[in-house]
Amino acid sequence: MGQNRTADKGRNRPVIEWAAGALGLVITLALIGFVGWQAFQDNGEPPRVEVRVTNIIANGDTYLVQIAAANVSSQTVAGLVVDGTLTPRTGRMERSSVTFDYVPANSEVEGGLFFASDPATGELRVRPKGYRQP
């Protein structure tokens, strides 16, 4: 009699249990496939970072230059240093820098640089200066 009860239990499982099990299997296989695909996408190229100015704001006695640093490669970057130089028409060159702790592959981070002179009255340059491997 014990065997009949066990056999009956398997036959009477609700459809929702089978659906949940199948969904779990599909999600698990999809994640394993995605991680495997990501592992083979790394082509060994060095990181490529592009920096651009997004906005300039008067900020009390200083000027804030808002920037965006885009990592357009498949390599993650840590400790990214972005350097900004401002050469006003009159006066001496100013330098400012910011460090981004972590910039994942194919992503963008935002930050800002402070200057005493108005960047609109001079030549402003921003560029990535260095990084380290995470």
C-alpha atoms as a PDB file:
ATOM      1  CA  MET A   1       0.000   0.000   0.000  1.00  0.00           C
ATOM      2  CA  GLY A   2       2.868   2.399   0.687  1.00  0.00           C
ATOM      3  CA  GLN A   3       3.944   2.217  -2.948  1.00  0.00           C
ATOM      4  CA  ASN A   4       0.556   3.308  -4.254  1.00  0.00           C
ATOM      5  CA  ARG A   5       0.529   6.424  -2.106  1.00  0.00           C
ATOM      6  CA  THR A   6       3.980   7.457  -3.375  1.00  0.00           C
ATOM      7  CA  ALA A   7       2.998   6.863  -6.985  1.00  0.00           C
ATOM      8  CA  ASP A   8      -0.249   8.803  -6.520  1.00  0.00           C
ATOM      9  CA  LYS A   9       1.595  11.786  -5.046  1.00  0.00           C
ATOM     10  CA  GLY A  10       3.710  12.203  -8.210  1.00  0.00           C
ATOM     11  CA  ARG A  11       0.684  12.047 -10.494  1.00  0.00           C
ATOM     12  CA  ASN A  12      -1.326  14.602  -8.553  1.00  0.00           C
ATOM     13  CA  ARG A  13       1.212  17.405  -8.479  1.00  0.00           C
ATOM     14  CA  PRO A  14      -0.343  20.767  -9.290  1.00  0.00           C
ATOM     15  CA  VAL A  15       0.494  22.278 -12.656  1.00  0.00           C
ATOM     16  CA  ILE A  16       1.849  25.376 -10.900  1.00  0.00           C
ATOM     17  CA  GLU A  17       4.639  23.265  -9.335  1.00  0.00           C
ATOM     18  CA  TRP A  18       5.708  21.962 -12.732  1.00  0.00           C
ATOM     19  CA  ALA A  19       5.541  25.474 -14.223  1.00  0.00           C
ATOM     20  CA  ALA A  20       7.637  26.939 -11.393  1.00  0.00           C
ATOM     21  CA  GLY A  21      10.209  24.159 -11.748  1.00  0.00           C
ATOM     22  CA  ALA A  22      10.421  24.670 -15.518  1.00  0.00           C
ATOM     23  CA  LEU A  23      10.761  28.445 -15.094  1.00  0.00           C
ATOM     24  CA  GLY A  24      13.557  27.951 -12.558  1.00  0.00           C
ATOM     25  CA  LEU A  25      15.372  25.624 -14.942  1.00  0.00           C
ATOM     26  CA  VAL A  26      15.074  28.088 -17.835  1.00  0.00           C
ATOM     27  CA  ILE A  27      16.366  30.994 -15.712  1.00  0.00           C
ATOM     28  CA  THR A  28      19.282  28.922 -14.394  1.00  0.00           C
ATOM     29  CA  LEU A  29      20.320  27.785 -17.885  1.00  0.00           C
ATOM     30  CA  ALA A  30      19.987  31.342 -19.219  1.00  0.00           C
ATOM     31  CA  LEU A  31      22.250  32.710 -16.466  1.00  0.00           C
ATOM     32  CA  ILE A  32      24.859  30.008 -17.028  1.00  0.00           C
ATOM     33  CA  GLY A  33      24.792  30.762 -20.761  1.00  0.00           C
ATOM     34  CA  PHE A  34      25.088  34.512 -20.183  1.00  0.00           C
ATOM     35  CA  VAL A  35      28.058  34.160 -17.825  1.00  0.00           C
ATOM     36  CA  GLY A  36      29.774  31.841 -20.315  1.00  0.00           C
ATOM     37  CA  TRP A  37      29.122  34.279 -23.159  1.00  0.00           C
ATOM     38  CA  GLN A  38      30.526  37.185 -21.090  1.00  0.00           C
ATOM     39  CA  ALA A  39      33.689  35.186 -20.364  1.00  0.00           C
ATOM     40  CA  PHE A  40      34.417  34.830 -24.083  1.00  0.00           C
ATOM     41  CA  GLN A  41      33.648  38.490 -24.915  1.00  0.00           C
ATOM     42  CA  ASP A  42      36.824  39.789 -23.248  1.00  0.00           C
ATOM     43  CA  ASN A  43      39.097  40.517 -26.197  1.00  0.00           C
ATOM     44  CA  GLY A  44      42.072  41.695 -24.120  1.00  0.00           C
ATOM     45  CA  GLU A  45      41.937  45.303 -25.356  1.00  0.00           C
ATOM     46  CA  PRO A  46      43.026  47.980 -22.907  1.00  0.00           C
ATOM     47  CA  PRO A  47      40.331  50.190 -21.378  1.00  0.00           C
ATOM     48  CA  ARG A  48      39.191  53.141 -23.497  1.00  0.00           C
ATOM     49  CA  VAL A  49      37.847  56.118 -21.563  1.00  0.00           C
ATOM     50  CA  GLU A  50      36.261  59.185 -23.144  1.00  0.00           C
ATOM     51  CA  VAL A  51      35.736  62.328 -21.069  1.00  0.00           C
ATOM     52  CA  ARG A  52      33.426  65.208 -21.954  1.00  0.00           C
ATOM     53  CA  VAL A  53      32.181  68.402 -20.306  1.00  0.00           C
ATOM     54  CA  THR A  54      28.433  68.283 -19.645  1.00  0.00           C
ATOM     55  CA  ASN A  55      27.854  71.633 -17.920  1.00  0.00           C
ATOM     56  CA  ILE A  56      29.576  74.672 -16.392  1.00  0.00           C
ATOM     57  CA  ILE A  57      27.981  76.280 -13.330  1.00  0.00           C
ATOM     58  CA  ALA A  58      28.958  79.363 -11.313  1.00  0.00           C
ATOM     59  CA  ASN A  59      29.283  78.051  -7.751  1.00  0.00           C
ATOM     60  CA  GLY A  60      29.886  80.917  -5.325  1.00  0.00           C
ATOM     61  CA  ASP A  61      33.508  82.046  -5.702  1.00  0.00           C
ATOM     62  CA  THR A  62      34.340  79.089  -7.952  1.00  0.00           C
ATOM     63  CA  TYR A  63      33.124  77.486 -11.146  1.00  0.00           C
ATOM     64  CA  LEU A  64      32.014  73.871 -11.308  1.00  0.00           C
ATOM     65  CA  VAL A  65      32.741  71.999 -14.519  1.00  0.00           C
ATOM     66  CA  GLN A  66      30.541  68.908 -14.602  1.00  0.00           C
ATOM     67  CA  ILE A  67      32.037  66.023 -16.563  1.00  0.00           C
ATOM     68  CA  ALA A  68      31.084  62.543 -17.717  1.00  0.00           C
ATOM     69  CA  ALA A  69      33.659  59.771 -18.138  1.00  0.00           C
ATOM     70  CA  ALA A  70      32.517  56.930 -20.374  1.00  0.00           C
ATOM     71  CA  ASN A  71      34.309  53.588 -20.357  1.00  0.00           C
ATOM     72  CA  VAL A  72      33.594  52.332 -23.890  1.00  0.00           C
ATOM     73  CA  SER A  73      35.526  49.075 -23.582  1.00  0.00           C
ATOM     74  CA  SER A  74      34.882  45.645 -22.136  1.00  0.00           C
ATOM     75  CA  GLN A  75      37.490  46.195 -19.388  1.00  0.00           C
ATOM     76  CA  THR A  76      36.583  47.549 -15.947  1.00  0.00           C
ATOM     77  CA  VAL A  77      38.608  50.500 -14.679  1.00  0.00           C
ATOM     78  CA  ALA A  78      39.349  51.409 -11.055  1.00  0.00           C
ATOM     79  CA  GLY A  79      40.855  54.596  -9.633  1.00  0.00           C
ATOM     80  CA  LEU A  80      40.300  56.562 -12.854  1.00  0.00           C
ATOM     81  CA  VAL A  81      41.925  59.993 -12.572  1.00  0.00           C
ATOM     82  CA  VAL A  82      40.529  62.751 -14.804  1.00  0.00           C
ATOM     83  CA  ASP A  83      42.639  65.891 -15.152  1.00  0.00           C
ATOM     84  CA  GLY A  84      41.303  69.286 -16.131  1.00  0.00           C
ATOM     85  CA  THR A  85      43.349  72.319 -17.115  1.00  0.00           C
ATOM     86  CA  LEU A  86      42.047  75.824 -17.631  1.00  0.00           C
ATOM     87  CA  THR A  87      44.155  78.452 -19.367  1.00  0.00           C
ATOM     88  CA  PRO A  88      42.373  81.807 -19.041  1.00  0.00           C
ATOM     89  CA  ARG A  89      43.056  84.561 -21.546  1.00  0.00           C
ATOM     90  CA  THR A  90      44.511  86.599 -18.705  1.00  0.00           C
ATOM     91  CA  GLY A  91      46.124  84.902 -15.750  1.00  0.00           C
ATOM     92  CA  ARG A  92      47.888  81.661 -15.138  1.00  0.00           C
ATOM     93  CA  MET A  93      46.874  78.086 -15.823  1.00  0.00           C
ATOM     94  CA  GLU A  94      44.709  76.272 -13.272  1.00  0.00           C
ATOM     95  CA  ARG A  95      44.590  72.537 -12.771  1.00  0.00           C
ATOM     96  CA  SER A  96      41.928  70.358 -11.137  1.00  0.00           C
ATOM     97  CA  SER A  97      41.434  66.609 -10.965  1.00  0.00           C
ATOM     98  CA  VAL A  98      38.911  64.043  -9.808  1.00  0.00           C
ATOM     99  CA  THR A  99      39.244  60.318  -9.122  1.00  0.00           C
ATOM    100  CA  PHE A 100      36.460  57.867  -9.902  1.00  0.00           C
ATOM    101  CA  ASP A 101      36.702  54.778  -7.701  1.00  0.00           C
ATOM    102  CA  TYR A 102      35.160  52.330 -10.154  1.00  0.00           C
ATOM    103  CA  VAL A 103      34.001  52.534 -13.783  1.00  0.00           C
ATOM    104  CA  PRO A 104      32.446  49.289 -15.047  1.00  0.00           C
ATOM    105  CA  ALA A 105      32.802  48.184 -18.656  1.00  0.00           C
ATOM    106  CA  ASN A 106      30.507  49.966 -21.114  1.00  0.00           C
ATOM    107  CA  SER A 107      29.264  52.480 -18.551  1.00  0.00           C
ATOM    108  CA  GLU A 108      29.484  56.155 -17.654  1.00  0.00           C
ATOM    109  CA  VAL A 109      30.159  58.025 -14.412  1.00  0.00           C
ATOM    110  CA  GLU A 110      29.752  61.709 -13.621  1.00  0.00           C
ATOM    111  CA  GLY A 111      31.728  64.118 -11.480  1.00  0.00           C
ATOM    112  CA  GLY A 112      32.991  67.655 -11.323  1.00  0.00           C
ATOM    113  CA  LEU A 113      36.081  69.857 -11.383  1.00  0.00           C
ATOM    114  CA  PHE A 114      36.373  73.198  -9.563  1.00  0.00           C
ATOM    115  CA  PHE A 115      38.168  76.253 -10.966  1.00  0.00           C
ATOM    116  CA  ALA A 116      38.623  79.793  -9.621  1.00  0.00           C
ATOM    117  CA  SER A 117      38.398  81.384 -13.092  1.00  0.00           C
ATOM    118  CA  ASP A 118      35.439  81.250 -15.461  1.00  0.00           C
ATOM    119  CA  PRO A 119      36.046  78.397 -17.938  1.00  0.00           C
ATOM    120  CA  ALA A 120      34.035  80.282 -20.575  1.00  0.00           C
ATOM    121  CA  THR A 121      36.798  82.919 -20.734  1.00  0.00           C
ATOM    122  CA  GLY A 122      39.658  80.567 -21.484  1.00  0.00           C
ATOM    123  CA  GLU A 123      40.729  77.239 -22.916  1.00  0.00           C
ATOM    124  CA  LEU A 124      39.433  74.250 -20.943  1.00  0.00           C
ATOM    125  CA  ARG A 125      40.808  70.739 -21.478  1.00  0.00           C
ATOM    126  CA  VAL A 126      39.742  67.538 -19.723  1.00  0.00           C
ATOM    127  CA  ARG A 127      41.343  64.160 -20.233  1.00  0.00           C
ATOM    128  CA  PRO A 128      41.762  60.821 -18.519  1.00  0.00           C
ATOM    129  CA  LYS A 129      45.104  60.742 -16.769  1.00  0.00           C
ATOM    130  CA  GLY A 130      45.426  57.237 -15.351  1.00  0.00           C
ATOM    131  CA  TYR A 131      43.750  54.179 -13.850  1.00  0.00           C
ATOM    132  CA  ARG A 132      44.531  50.900 -12.133  1.00  0.00           C
ATOM    133  CA  GLN A 133      43.340  47.362 -12.706  1.00  0.00           C
ATOM    134  CA  PRO A 134      40.560  46.398 -10.289  1.00  0.00           C
END
